[in-house]
Amino acid sequence: MKITQASIKRPVTTSMIYLIAIGFGLFSLLRLKLDLYPKLEFPMIAVISQYTGVGPQDMETVVTRPIEKSLASVKNVKKLTSTSAQGLSLVMLEFDWGTNMDQSKIDVRDALD
């Protein structure tokens, strides 16, 4: 009970102690190095195609499906999703963790060619 009584008797001292503790916390947070976080590269590649003036149905049949068929043969693909919109086609390839993404990018470019 002595801490609570001292806090009530001396509110300015108590608030200064809290401000000093918050100041040390903010100072420590700003000096925290970001090198402690691991470098994380998500195993995903997106193929975005634009074709202005084309509706979503035509975009799906003319652009999205041929891209899907050509990318289906790429190795280590975990999931392939696509979205077609007005003049826009988005095909997302999700790979297994640990896949070499540089080689996967080359494989995707070769499959699209």
PDB file of N, CA and C in Angstrom:
ATOM      1  N   MET A   1       0.806  -1.201   0.000  1.00  0.00           N
ATOM      2  CA  MET A   1       0.000   0.000   0.000  1.00  0.00           C
ATOM      3  C   MET A   1       0.849   1.266   0.000  1.00  0.00           C
ATOM      4  N   LYS A   2       2.115   1.155   0.354  1.00  0.00           N
ATOM      5  CA  LYS A   2       2.946   2.347   0.401  1.00  0.00           C
ATOM      6  C   LYS A   2       3.152   2.963  -0.986  1.00  0.00           C
ATOM      7  N   ILE A   3       3.205   2.112  -2.049  1.00  0.00           N
ATOM      8  CA  ILE A   3       3.385   2.642  -3.412  1.00  0.00           C
ATOM      9  C   ILE A   3       2.164   3.454  -3.819  1.00  0.00           C
ATOM     10  N   THR A   4       0.999   2.949  -3.528  1.00  0.00           N
ATOM     11  CA  THR A   4      -0.217   3.680  -3.901  1.00  0.00           C
ATOM     12  C   THR A   4      -0.350   4.969  -3.113  1.00  0.00           C
ATOM     13  N   GLN A   5       0.003   4.932  -1.817  1.00  0.00           N
ATOM     14  CA  GLN A   5      -0.087   6.152  -1.019  1.00  0.00           C
ATOM     15  C   GLN A   5       0.926   7.184  -1.492  1.00  0.00           C
ATOM     16  N   ALA A   6       2.136   6.741  -1.835  1.00  0.00           N
ATOM     17  CA  ALA A   6       3.152   7.672  -2.336  1.00  0.00           C
ATOM     18  C   ALA A   6       2.744   8.244  -3.688  1.00  0.00           C
ATOM     19  N   SER A   7       2.092   7.434  -4.523  1.00  0.00           N
ATOM     20  CA  SER A   7       1.635   7.920  -5.830  1.00  0.00           C
ATOM     21  C   SER A   7       0.550   8.965  -5.677  1.00  0.00           C
ATOM     22  N   ILE A   8      -0.314   8.790  -4.683  1.00  0.00           N
ATOM     23  CA  ILE A   8      -1.392   9.767  -4.462  1.00  0.00           C
ATOM     24  C   ILE A   8      -0.839  11.049  -3.850  1.00  0.00           C
ATOM     25  N   LYS A   9       0.134  10.910  -2.948  1.00  0.00           N
ATOM     26  CA  LYS A   9       0.699  12.098  -2.303  1.00  0.00           C
ATOM     27  C   LYS A   9       1.575  12.915  -3.257  1.00  0.00           C
ATOM     28  N   ARG A  10       2.267  12.243  -4.173  1.00  0.00           N
ATOM     29  CA  ARG A  10       3.198  12.931  -5.082  1.00  0.00           C
ATOM     30  C   ARG A  10       2.858  12.567  -6.535  1.00  0.00           C
ATOM     31  N   PRO A  11       1.796  13.155  -7.110  1.00  0.00           N
ATOM     32  CA  PRO A  11       1.407  12.803  -8.484  1.00  0.00           C
ATOM     33  C   PRO A  11       2.400  13.287  -9.536  1.00  0.00           C
ATOM     34  N   VAL A  12       3.072  14.397  -9.287  1.00  0.00           N
ATOM     35  CA  VAL A  12       4.034  14.908 -10.264  1.00  0.00           C
ATOM     36  C   VAL A  12       5.231  13.962 -10.355  1.00  0.00           C
ATOM     37  N   THR A  13       5.716  13.492  -9.239  1.00  0.00           N
ATOM     38  CA  THR A  13       6.847  12.558  -9.228  1.00  0.00           C
ATOM     39  C   THR A  13       6.472  11.255  -9.932  1.00  0.00           C
ATOM     40  N   THR A  14       5.277  10.767  -9.656  1.00  0.00           N
ATOM     41  CA  THR A  14       4.817   9.529 -10.281  1.00  0.00           C
ATOM     42  C   THR A  14       4.713   9.685 -11.794  1.00  0.00           C
ATOM     43  N   SER A  15       4.139  10.799 -12.243  1.00  0.00           N
ATOM     44  CA  SER A  15       4.012  11.008 -13.695  1.00  0.00           C
ATOM     45  C   SER A  15       5.380  11.192 -14.347  1.00  0.00           C
ATOM     46  N   MET A  16       6.342  11.805 -13.651  1.00  0.00           N
ATOM     47  CA  MET A  16       7.690  11.955 -14.214  1.00  0.00           C
ATOM     48  C   MET A  16       8.377  10.594 -14.345  1.00  0.00           C
ATOM     49  N   ILE A  17       8.167   9.706 -13.381  1.00  0.00           N
ATOM     50  CA  ILE A  17       8.756   8.362 -13.477  1.00  0.00           C
ATOM     51  C   ILE A  17       8.181   7.622 -14.669  1.00  0.00           C
ATOM     52  N   TYR A  18       6.858   7.730 -14.886  1.00  0.00           N
ATOM     53  CA  TYR A  18       6.235   7.086 -16.046  1.00  0.00           C
ATOM     54  C   TYR A  18       6.747   7.680 -17.357  1.00  0.00           C
ATOM     55  N   LEU A  19       6.910   8.997 -17.411  1.00  0.00           N
ATOM     56  CA  LEU A  19       7.419   9.632 -18.639  1.00  0.00           C
ATOM     57  C   LEU A  19       8.859   9.208 -18.927  1.00  0.00           C
ATOM     58  N   ILE A  20       9.665   9.071 -17.878  1.00  0.00           N
ATOM     59  CA  ILE A  20      11.042   8.623 -18.079  1.00  0.00           C
ATOM     60  C   ILE A  20      11.058   7.178 -18.602  1.00  0.00           C
ATOM     61  N   ALA A  21      10.200   6.323 -18.046  1.00  0.00           N
ATOM     62  CA  ALA A  21      10.134   4.932 -18.513  1.00  0.00           C
ATOM     63  C   ALA A  21       9.671   4.866 -19.970  1.00  0.00           C
ATOM     64  N   ILE A  22       8.693   5.683 -20.346  1.00  0.00           N
ATOM     65  CA  ILE A  22       8.229   5.717 -21.741  1.00  0.00           C
ATOM     66  C   ILE A  22       9.320   6.266 -22.653  1.00  0.00           C
ATOM     67  N   GLY A  23      10.056   7.271 -22.184  1.00  0.00           N
ATOM     68  CA  GLY A  23      11.155   7.831 -22.973  1.00  0.00           C
ATOM     69  C   GLY A  23      12.241   6.806 -23.244  1.00  0.00           C
ATOM     70  N   PHE A  24      12.624   6.035 -22.210  1.00  0.00           N
ATOM     71  CA  PHE A  24      13.617   4.974 -22.420  1.00  0.00           C
ATOM     72  C   PHE A  24      13.099   3.915 -23.381  1.00  0.00           C
ATOM     73  N   GLY A  25      11.827   3.596 -23.272  1.00  0.00           N
ATOM     74  CA  GLY A  25      11.243   2.600 -24.181  1.00  0.00           C
ATOM     75  C   GLY A  25      11.260   3.065 -25.622  1.00  0.00           C
ATOM     76  N   LEU A  26      10.877   4.316 -25.873  1.00  0.00           N
ATOM     77  CA  LEU A  26      10.893   4.857 -27.237  1.00  0.00           C
ATOM     78  C   LEU A  26      12.316   4.964 -27.773  1.00  0.00           C
ATOM     79  N   PHE A  27      13.255   5.384 -26.917  1.00  0.00           N
ATOM     80  CA  PHE A  27      14.656   5.470 -27.335  1.00  0.00           C
ATOM     81  C   PHE A  27      15.179   4.102 -27.736  1.00  0.00           C
ATOM     82  N   SER A  28      14.857   3.080 -26.934  1.00  0.00           N
ATOM     83  CA  SER A  28      15.309   1.718 -27.241  1.00  0.00           C
ATOM     84  C   SER A  28      14.656   1.187 -28.510  1.00  0.00           C
ATOM     85  N   LEU A  29      13.389   1.507 -28.717  1.00  0.00           N
ATOM     86  CA  LEU A  29      12.693   1.053 -29.914  1.00  0.00           C
ATOM     87  C   LEU A  29      13.295   1.668 -31.175  1.00  0.00           C
ATOM     88  N   LEU A  30      13.648   2.940 -31.117  1.00  0.00           N
ATOM     89  CA  LEU A  30      14.239   3.591 -32.292  1.00  0.00           C
ATOM     90  C   LEU A  30      15.639   3.069 -32.599  1.00  0.00           C
ATOM     91  N   ARG A  31      16.362   2.616 -31.598  1.00  0.00           N
ATOM     92  CA  ARG A  31      17.716   2.106 -31.810  1.00  0.00           C
ATOM     93  C   ARG A  31      17.738   0.618 -32.137  1.00  0.00           C
ATOM     94  N   LEU A  32      16.583  -0.026 -32.167  1.00  0.00           N
ATOM     95  CA  LEU A  32      16.505  -1.447 -32.484  1.00  0.00           C
ATOM     96  C   LEU A  32      16.872  -1.668 -33.942  1.00  0.00           C
ATOM     97  N   LYS A  33      17.796  -2.567 -34.192  1.00  0.00           N
ATOM     98  CA  LYS A  33      18.248  -2.808 -35.548  1.00  0.00           C
ATOM     99  C   LYS A  33      17.288  -3.734 -36.264  1.00  0.00           C
ATOM    100  N   LEU A  34      17.076  -3.476 -37.533  1.00  0.00           N
ATOM    101  CA  LEU A  34      16.192  -4.300 -38.327  1.00  0.00           C
ATOM    102  C   LEU A  34      16.895  -5.545 -38.862  1.00  0.00           C
ATOM    103  N   ASP A  35      18.188  -5.668 -38.631  1.00  0.00           N
ATOM    104  CA  ASP A  35      18.922  -6.834 -39.089  1.00  0.00           C
ATOM    105  C   ASP A  35      18.519  -8.094 -38.327  1.00  0.00           C
ATOM    106  N   LEU A  36      17.810  -7.930 -37.241  1.00  0.00           N
ATOM    107  CA  LEU A  36      17.395  -9.079 -36.452  1.00  0.00           C
ATOM    108  C   LEU A  36      16.280  -9.858 -37.135  1.00  0.00           C
ATOM    109  N   TYR A  37      15.590  -9.227 -38.064  1.00  0.00           N
ATOM    110  CA  TYR A  37      14.504  -9.901 -38.763  1.00  0.00           C
ATOM    111  C   TYR A  37      15.063 -10.711 -39.931  1.00  0.00           C
ATOM    112  N   PRO A  38      14.569 -11.897 -40.154  1.00  0.00           N
ATOM    113  CA  PRO A  38      15.092 -12.703 -41.269  1.00  0.00           C
ATOM    114  C   PRO A  38      14.602 -12.168 -42.610  1.00  0.00           C
ATOM    115  N   LYS A  39      15.403 -12.389 -43.630  1.00  0.00           N
ATOM    116  CA  LYS A  39      15.001 -12.001 -44.976  1.00  0.00           C
ATOM    117  C   LYS A  39      14.011 -13.052 -45.463  1.00  0.00           C
ATOM    118  N   LEU A  40      12.799 -12.611 -45.761  1.00  0.00           N
ATOM    119  CA  LEU A  40      11.736 -13.525 -46.125  1.00  0.00           C
ATOM    120  C   LEU A  40      11.257 -13.188 -47.530  1.00  0.00           C
ATOM    121  N   GLU A  41      11.331 -14.162 -48.404  1.00  0.00           N
ATOM    122  CA  GLU A  41      10.885 -13.998 -49.788  1.00  0.00           C
ATOM    123  C   GLU A  41       9.736 -14.967 -50.025  1.00  0.00           C
ATOM    124  N   PHE A  42       8.551 -14.409 -50.249  1.00  0.00           N
ATOM    125  CA  PHE A  42       7.387 -15.258 -50.456  1.00  0.00           C
ATOM    126  C   PHE A  42       7.491 -15.946 -51.809  1.00  0.00           C
ATOM    127  N   PRO A  43       7.197 -17.228 -51.871  1.00  0.00           N
ATOM    128  CA  PRO A  43       7.345 -17.976 -53.128  1.00  0.00           C
ATOM    129  C   PRO A  43       6.136 -17.782 -54.045  1.00  0.00           C
ATOM    130  N   MET A  44       5.973 -16.566 -54.546  1.00  0.00           N
ATOM    131  CA  MET A  44       4.853 -16.270 -55.431  1.00  0.00           C
ATOM    132  C   MET A  44       5.337 -15.451 -56.623  1.00  0.00           C
ATOM    133  N   ILE A  45       4.727 -15.722 -57.763  1.00  0.00           N
ATOM    134  CA  ILE A  45       4.985 -14.952 -58.982  1.00  0.00           C
ATOM    135  C   ILE A  45       3.634 -14.573 -59.563  1.00  0.00           C
ATOM    136  N   ALA A  46       3.511 -13.322 -59.991  1.00  0.00           N
ATOM    137  CA  ALA A  46       2.266 -12.848 -60.590  1.00  0.00           C
ATOM    138  C   ALA A  46       2.524 -12.481 -62.046  1.00  0.00           C
ATOM    139  N   VAL A  47       1.617 -12.910 -62.912  1.00  0.00           N
ATOM    140  CA  VAL A  47       1.670 -12.552 -64.331  1.00  0.00           C
ATOM    141  C   VAL A  47       0.462 -11.654 -64.593  1.00  0.00           C
ATOM    142  N   ILE A  48       0.736 -10.394 -64.913  1.00  0.00           N
ATOM    143  CA  ILE A  48      -0.326  -9.417 -65.120  1.00  0.00           C
ATOM    144  C   ILE A  48      -0.347  -9.041 -66.594  1.00  0.00           C
ATOM    145  N   SER A  49      -1.530  -9.152 -67.206  1.00  0.00           N
ATOM    146  CA  SER A  49      -1.681  -8.822 -68.626  1.00  0.00           C
ATOM    147  C   SER A  49      -2.785  -7.783 -68.772  1.00  0.00           C
ATOM    148  N   GLN A  50      -2.537  -6.788 -69.613  1.00  0.00           N
ATOM    149  CA  GLN A  50      -3.539  -5.768 -69.878  1.00  0.00           C
ATOM    150  C   GLN A  50      -3.912  -5.801 -71.349  1.00  0.00           C
ATOM    151  N   TYR A  51      -5.207  -5.660 -71.610  1.00  0.00           N
ATOM    152  CA  TYR A  51      -5.724  -5.629 -72.969  1.00  0.00           C
ATOM    153  C   TYR A  51      -6.940  -4.717 -72.927  1.00  0.00           C
ATOM    154  N   THR A  52      -6.736  -3.460 -73.248  1.00  0.00           N
ATOM    155  CA  THR A  52      -7.785  -2.463 -73.060  1.00  0.00           C
ATOM    156  C   THR A  52      -8.958  -2.690 -74.008  1.00  0.00           C
ATOM    157  N   GLY A  53     -10.136  -2.395 -73.500  1.00  0.00           N
ATOM    158  CA  GLY A  53     -11.345  -2.480 -74.297  1.00  0.00           C
ATOM    159  C   GLY A  53     -11.931  -3.876 -74.416  1.00  0.00           C
ATOM    160  N   VAL A  54     -11.488  -4.813 -73.606  1.00  0.00           N
ATOM    161  CA  VAL A  54     -11.965  -6.193 -73.678  1.00  0.00           C
ATOM    162  C   VAL A  54     -12.715  -6.508 -72.381  1.00  0.00           C
ATOM    163  N   GLY A  55     -13.849  -7.166 -72.507  1.00  0.00           N
ATOM    164  CA  GLY A  55     -14.646  -7.544 -71.350  1.00  0.00           C
ATOM    165  C   GLY A  55     -14.040  -8.705 -70.588  1.00  0.00           C
ATOM    166  N   PRO A  56     -14.547  -8.989 -69.392  1.00  0.00           N
ATOM    167  CA  PRO A  56     -13.983 -10.059 -68.573  1.00  0.00           C
ATOM    168  C   PRO A  56     -14.110 -11.445 -69.199  1.00  0.00           C
ATOM    169  N   GLN A  57     -15.219 -11.735 -69.865  1.00  0.00           N
ATOM    170  CA  GLN A  57     -15.402 -13.056 -70.494  1.00  0.00           C
ATOM    171  C   GLN A  57     -14.387 -13.274 -71.609  1.00  0.00           C
ATOM    172  N   ASP A  58     -14.254 -12.273 -72.470  1.00  0.00           N
ATOM    173  CA  ASP A  58     -13.280 -12.382 -73.560  1.00  0.00           C
ATOM    174  C   ASP A  58     -11.854 -12.421 -73.026  1.00  0.00           C
ATOM    175  N   MET A  59     -11.599 -11.669 -71.965  1.00  0.00           N
ATOM    176  CA  MET A  59     -10.262 -11.654 -71.369  1.00  0.00           C
ATOM    177  C   MET A  59      -9.916 -13.035 -70.827  1.00  0.00           C
ATOM    178  N   GLU A  60     -10.894 -13.712 -70.278  1.00  0.00           N
ATOM    179  CA  GLU A  60     -10.645 -15.050 -69.746  1.00  0.00           C
ATOM    180  C   GLU A  60     -10.349 -16.049 -70.858  1.00  0.00           C
ATOM    181  N   THR A  61     -11.142 -16.013 -71.925  1.00  0.00           N
ATOM    182  CA  THR A  61     -10.957 -17.006 -72.982  1.00  0.00           C
ATOM    183  C   THR A  61      -9.748 -16.705 -73.859  1.00  0.00           C
ATOM    184  N   VAL A  62      -9.479 -15.432 -74.121  1.00  0.00           N
ATOM    185  CA  VAL A  62      -8.397 -15.074 -75.046  1.00  0.00           C
ATOM    186  C   VAL A  62      -7.033 -15.013 -74.357  1.00  0.00           C
ATOM    187  N   VAL A  63      -6.997 -14.525 -73.123  1.00  0.00           N
ATOM    188  CA  VAL A  63      -5.696 -14.285 -72.484  1.00  0.00           C
ATOM    189  C   VAL A  63      -5.440 -15.216 -71.299  1.00  0.00           C
ATOM    190  N   THR A  64      -6.381 -15.276 -70.358  1.00  0.00           N
ATOM    191  CA  THR A  64      -6.116 -15.967 -69.093  1.00  0.00           C
ATOM    192  C   THR A  64      -5.948 -17.470 -69.263  1.00  0.00           C
ATOM    193  N   ARG A  65      -6.851 -18.110 -69.964  1.00  0.00           N
ATOM    194  CA  ARG A  65      -6.760 -19.578 -70.111  1.00  0.00           C
ATOM    195  C   ARG A  65      -5.510 -20.044 -70.859  1.00  0.00           C
ATOM    196  N   PRO A  66      -5.102 -19.383 -71.959  1.00  0.00           N
ATOM    197  CA  PRO A  66      -3.833 -19.806 -72.574  1.00  0.00           C
ATOM    198  C   PRO A  66      -2.620 -19.623 -71.656  1.00  0.00           C
ATOM    199  N   ILE A  67      -2.640 -18.557 -70.856  1.00  0.00           N
ATOM    200  CA  ILE A  67      -1.535 -18.360 -69.907  1.00  0.00           C
ATOM    201  C   ILE A  67      -1.552 -19.467 -68.859  1.00  0.00           C
ATOM    202  N   GLU A  68      -2.732 -19.801 -68.347  1.00  0.00           N
ATOM    203  CA  GLU A  68      -2.845 -20.885 -67.368  1.00  0.00           C
ATOM    204  C   GLU A  68      -2.339 -22.208 -67.938  1.00  0.00           C
ATOM    205  N   LYS A  69      -2.711 -22.509 -69.174  1.00  0.00           N
ATOM    206  CA  LYS A  69      -2.280 -23.772 -69.792  1.00  0.00           C
ATOM    207  C   LYS A  69      -0.775 -23.821 -69.964  1.00  0.00           C
ATOM    208  N   SER A  70      -0.181 -22.706 -70.343  1.00  0.00           N
ATOM    209  CA  SER A  70       1.264 -22.707 -70.548  1.00  0.00           C
ATOM    210  C   SER A  70       2.028 -22.748 -69.217  1.00  0.00           C
ATOM    211  N   LEU A  71       1.459 -22.177 -68.153  1.00  0.00           N
ATOM    212  CA  LEU A  71       2.155 -22.157 -66.863  1.00  0.00           C
ATOM    213  C   LEU A  71       1.891 -23.400 -66.021  1.00  0.00           C
ATOM    214  N   ALA A  72       0.969 -24.234 -66.437  1.00  0.00           N
ATOM    215  CA  ALA A  72       0.659 -25.443 -65.667  1.00  0.00           C
ATOM    216  C   ALA A  72       1.816 -26.434 -65.655  1.00  0.00           C
ATOM    217  N   SER A  73       2.722 -26.332 -66.600  1.00  0.00           N
ATOM    218  CA  SER A  73       3.837 -27.281 -66.676  1.00  0.00           C
ATOM    219  C   SER A  73       5.064 -26.841 -65.887  1.00  0.00           C
ATOM    220  N   VAL A  74       5.019 -25.695 -65.218  1.00  0.00           N
ATOM    221  CA  VAL A  74       6.166 -25.212 -64.449  1.00  0.00           C
ATOM    222  C   VAL A  74       6.325 -26.071 -63.190  1.00  0.00           C
ATOM    223  N   LYS A  75       7.570 -26.395 -62.845  1.00  0.00           N
ATOM    224  CA  LYS A  75       7.846 -27.269 -61.710  1.00  0.00           C
ATOM    225  C   LYS A  75       7.592 -26.565 -60.381  1.00  0.00           C
ATOM    226  N   ASN A  76       7.281 -27.352 -59.357  1.00  0.00           N
ATOM    227  CA  ASN A  76       7.113 -26.925 -57.969  1.00  0.00           C
ATOM    228  C   ASN A  76       5.965 -25.949 -57.746  1.00  0.00           C
ATOM    229  N   VAL A  77       4.995 -25.913 -58.638  1.00  0.00           N
ATOM    230  CA  VAL A  77       3.844 -25.025 -58.445  1.00  0.00           C
ATOM    231  C   VAL A  77       2.894 -25.691 -57.456  1.00  0.00           C
ATOM    232  N   LYS A  78       2.586 -24.977 -56.387  1.00  0.00           N
ATOM    233  CA  LYS A  78       1.687 -25.499 -55.362  1.00  0.00           C
ATOM    234  C   LYS A  78       0.244 -25.131 -55.690  1.00  0.00           C
ATOM    235  N   LYS A  79       0.035 -23.893 -56.145  1.00  0.00           N
ATOM    236  CA  LYS A  79      -1.317 -23.428 -56.437  1.00  0.00           C
ATOM    237  C   LYS A  79      -1.260 -22.388 -57.541  1.00  0.00           C
ATOM    238  N   LEU A  80      -2.210 -22.459 -58.460  1.00  0.00           N
ATOM    239  CA  LEU A  80      -2.302 -21.517 -59.566  1.00  0.00           C
ATOM    240  C   LEU A  80      -3.708 -20.908 -59.532  1.00  0.00           C
ATOM    241  N   THR A  81      -3.784 -19.600 -59.366  1.00  0.00           N
ATOM    242  CA  THR A  81      -5.075 -18.916 -59.338  1.00  0.00           C
ATOM    243  C   THR A  81      -5.069 -17.810 -60.376  1.00  0.00           C
ATOM    244  N   SER A  82      -6.259 -17.511 -60.892  1.00  0.00           N
ATOM    245  CA  SER A  82      -6.338 -16.455 -61.898  1.00  0.00           C
ATOM    246  C   SER A  82      -7.594 -15.629 -61.679  1.00  0.00           C
ATOM    247  N   THR A  83      -7.520 -14.387 -62.116  1.00  0.00           N
ATOM    248  CA  THR A  83      -8.631 -13.450 -62.042  1.00  0.00           C
ATOM    249  C   THR A  83      -8.673 -12.672 -63.338  1.00  0.00           C
ATOM    250  N   SER A  84      -9.870 -12.569 -63.896  1.00  0.00           N
ATOM    251  CA  SER A  84     -10.048 -11.779 -65.118  1.00  0.00           C
ATOM    252  C   SER A  84     -11.015 -10.649 -64.829  1.00  0.00           C
ATOM    253  N   ALA A  85     -10.667  -9.467 -65.293  1.00  0.00           N
ATOM    254  CA  ALA A  85     -11.510  -8.286 -65.111  1.00  0.00           C
ATOM    255  C   ALA A  85     -11.536  -7.515 -66.428  1.00  0.00           C
ATOM    256  N   GLN A  86     -12.191  -6.388 -66.422  1.00  0.00           N
ATOM    257  CA  GLN A  86     -12.291  -5.538 -67.610  1.00  0.00           C
ATOM    258  C   GLN A  86     -10.900  -5.103 -68.051  1.00  0.00           C
ATOM    259  N   GLY A  87     -10.372  -5.710 -69.090  1.00  0.00           N
ATOM    260  CA  GLY A  87      -9.072  -5.335 -69.646  1.00  0.00           C
ATOM    261  C   GLY A  87      -7.874  -5.781 -68.832  1.00  0.00           C
ATOM    262  N   LEU A  88      -8.059  -6.670 -67.847  1.00  0.00           N
ATOM    263  CA  LEU A  88      -6.961  -7.074 -66.972  1.00  0.00           C
ATOM    264  C   LEU A  88      -7.042  -8.560 -66.659  1.00  0.00           C
ATOM    265  N   SER A  89      -5.896  -9.211 -66.726  1.00  0.00           N
ATOM    266  CA  SER A  89      -5.789 -10.619 -66.373  1.00  0.00           C
ATOM    267  C   SER A  89      -4.668 -10.765 -65.353  1.00  0.00           C
ATOM    268  N   LEU A  90      -4.946 -11.467 -64.254  1.00  0.00           N
ATOM    269  CA  LEU A  90      -3.969 -11.676 -63.195  1.00  0.00           C
ATOM    270  C   LEU A  90      -3.875 -13.171 -62.919  1.00  0.00           C
ATOM    271  N   VAL A  91      -2.697 -13.734 -63.129  1.00  0.00           N
ATOM    272  CA  VAL A  91      -2.443 -15.151 -62.861  1.00  0.00           C
ATOM    273  C   VAL A  91      -1.370 -15.217 -61.782  1.00  0.00           C
ATOM    274  N   MET A  92      -1.715 -15.860 -60.647  1.00  0.00           N
ATOM    275  CA  MET A  92      -0.798 -15.972 -59.525  1.00  0.00           C
ATOM    276  C   MET A  92      -0.322 -17.416 -59.398  1.00  0.00           C
ATOM    277  N   LEU A  93       0.995 -17.585 -59.313  1.00  0.00           N
ATOM    278  CA  LEU A  93       1.602 -18.899 -59.107  1.00  0.00           C
ATOM    279  C   LEU A  93       2.199 -18.927 -57.708  1.00  0.00           C
ATOM    280  N   GLU A  94       1.774 -19.889 -56.911  1.00  0.00           N
ATOM    281  CA  GLU A  94       2.337 -20.061 -55.575  1.00  0.00           C
ATOM    282  C   GLU A  94       3.182 -21.318 -55.584  1.00  0.00           C
ATOM    283  N   PHE A  95       4.437 -21.188 -55.175  1.00  0.00           N
ATOM    284  CA  PHE A  95       5.393 -22.287 -55.195  1.00  0.00           C
ATOM    285  C   PHE A  95       5.582 -22.854 -53.793  1.00  0.00           C
ATOM    286  N   ASP A  96       6.195 -24.036 -53.728  1.00  0.00           N
ATOM    287  CA  ASP A  96       6.535 -24.644 -52.447  1.00  0.00           C
ATOM    288  C   ASP A  96       7.628 -23.822 -51.779  1.00  0.00           C
ATOM    289  N   TRP A  97       7.627 -23.825 -50.421  1.00  0.00           N
ATOM    290  CA  TRP A  97       8.684 -23.123 -49.687  1.00  0.00           C
ATOM    291  C   TRP A  97      10.019 -23.804 -49.968  1.00  0.00           C
ATOM    292  N   GLY A  98      11.056 -22.992 -50.117  1.00  0.00           N
ATOM    293  CA  GLY A  98      12.377 -23.520 -50.403  1.00  0.00           C
ATOM    294  C   GLY A  98      12.688 -23.597 -51.889  1.00  0.00           C
ATOM    295  N   THR A  99      11.738 -23.207 -52.737  1.00  0.00           N
ATOM    296  CA  THR A  99      11.970 -23.234 -54.177  1.00  0.00           C
ATOM    297  C   THR A  99      12.885 -22.075 -54.556  1.00  0.00           C
ATOM    298  N   ASN A 100      13.814 -22.318 -55.444  1.00  0.00           N
ATOM    299  CA  ASN A 100      14.686 -21.266 -55.949  1.00  0.00           C
ATOM    300  C   ASN A 100      13.859 -20.357 -56.856  1.00  0.00           C
ATOM    301  N   MET A 101      13.558 -19.155 -56.373  1.00  0.00           N
ATOM    302  CA  MET A 101      12.662 -18.260 -57.108  1.00  0.00           C
ATOM    303  C   MET A 101      13.316 -17.676 -58.358  1.00  0.00           C
ATOM    304  N   ASP A 102      14.632 -17.546 -58.359  1.00  0.00           N
ATOM    305  CA  ASP A 102      15.301 -17.061 -59.563  1.00  0.00           C
ATOM    306  C   ASP A 102      15.128 -18.055 -60.718  1.00  0.00           C
ATOM    307  N   GLN A 103      15.306 -19.320 -60.410  1.00  0.00           N
ATOM    308  CA  GLN A 103      15.113 -20.344 -61.437  1.00  0.00           C
ATOM    309  C   GLN A 103      13.638 -20.432 -61.827  1.00  0.00           C
ATOM    310  N   SER A 104      12.736 -20.258 -60.882  1.00  0.00           N
ATOM    311  CA  SER A 104      11.309 -20.304 -61.174  1.00  0.00           C
ATOM    312  C   SER A 104      10.887 -19.166 -62.094  1.00  0.00           C
ATOM    313  N   LYS A 105      11.477 -17.986 -61.899  1.00  0.00           N
ATOM    314  CA  LYS A 105      11.177 -16.866 -62.785  1.00  0.00           C
ATOM    315  C   LYS A 105      11.607 -17.178 -64.219  1.00  0.00           C
ATOM    316  N   ILE A 106      12.754 -17.799 -64.352  1.00  0.00           N
ATOM    317  CA  ILE A 106      13.234 -18.164 -65.678  1.00  0.00           C
ATOM    318  C   ILE A 106      12.311 -19.216 -66.292  1.00  0.00           C
ATOM    319  N   ASP A 107      11.883 -20.189 -65.488  1.00  0.00           N
ATOM    320  CA  ASP A 107      10.972 -21.219 -65.975  1.00  0.00           C
ATOM    321  C   ASP A 107       9.636 -20.628 -66.429  1.00  0.00           C
ATOM    322  N   VAL A 108       9.125 -19.646 -65.664  1.00  0.00           N
ATOM    323  CA  VAL A 108       7.860 -19.002 -66.032  1.00  0.00           C
ATOM    324  C   VAL A 108       8.020 -18.219 -67.332  1.00  0.00           C
ATOM    325  N   ARG A 109       9.131 -17.512 -67.489  1.00  0.00           N
ATOM    326  CA  ARG A 109       9.366 -16.767 -68.741  1.00  0.00           C
ATOM    327  C   ARG A 109       9.473 -17.713 -69.927  1.00  0.00           C
ATOM    328  N   ASP A 110      10.160 -18.830 -69.730  1.00  0.00           N
ATOM    329  CA  ASP A 110      10.270 -19.810 -70.820  1.00  0.00           C
ATOM    330  C   ASP A 110       8.913 -20.401 -71.175  1.00  0.00           C
ATOM    331  N   ALA A 111       8.103 -20.668 -70.169  1.00  0.00           N
ATOM    332  CA  ALA A 111       6.778 -21.242 -70.428  1.00  0.00           C
ATOM    333  C   ALA A 111       5.874 -20.234 -71.144  1.00  0.00           C
ATOM    334  N   LEU A 112       6.025 -18.958 -70.840  1.00  0.00           N
ATOM    335  CA  LEU A 112       5.209 -17.938 -71.510  1.00  0.00           C
ATOM    336  C   LEU A 112       5.665 -17.704 -72.942  1.00  0.00           C
ATOM    337  N   ASP A 113       6.938 -17.903 -73.213  1.00  0.00           N
ATOM    338  CA  ASP A 113       7.438 -17.717 -74.580  1.00  0.00           C
ATOM    339  C   ASP A 113       6.896 -18.830 -75.469  1.00  0.00           C
TER     340      ASP A 113
END
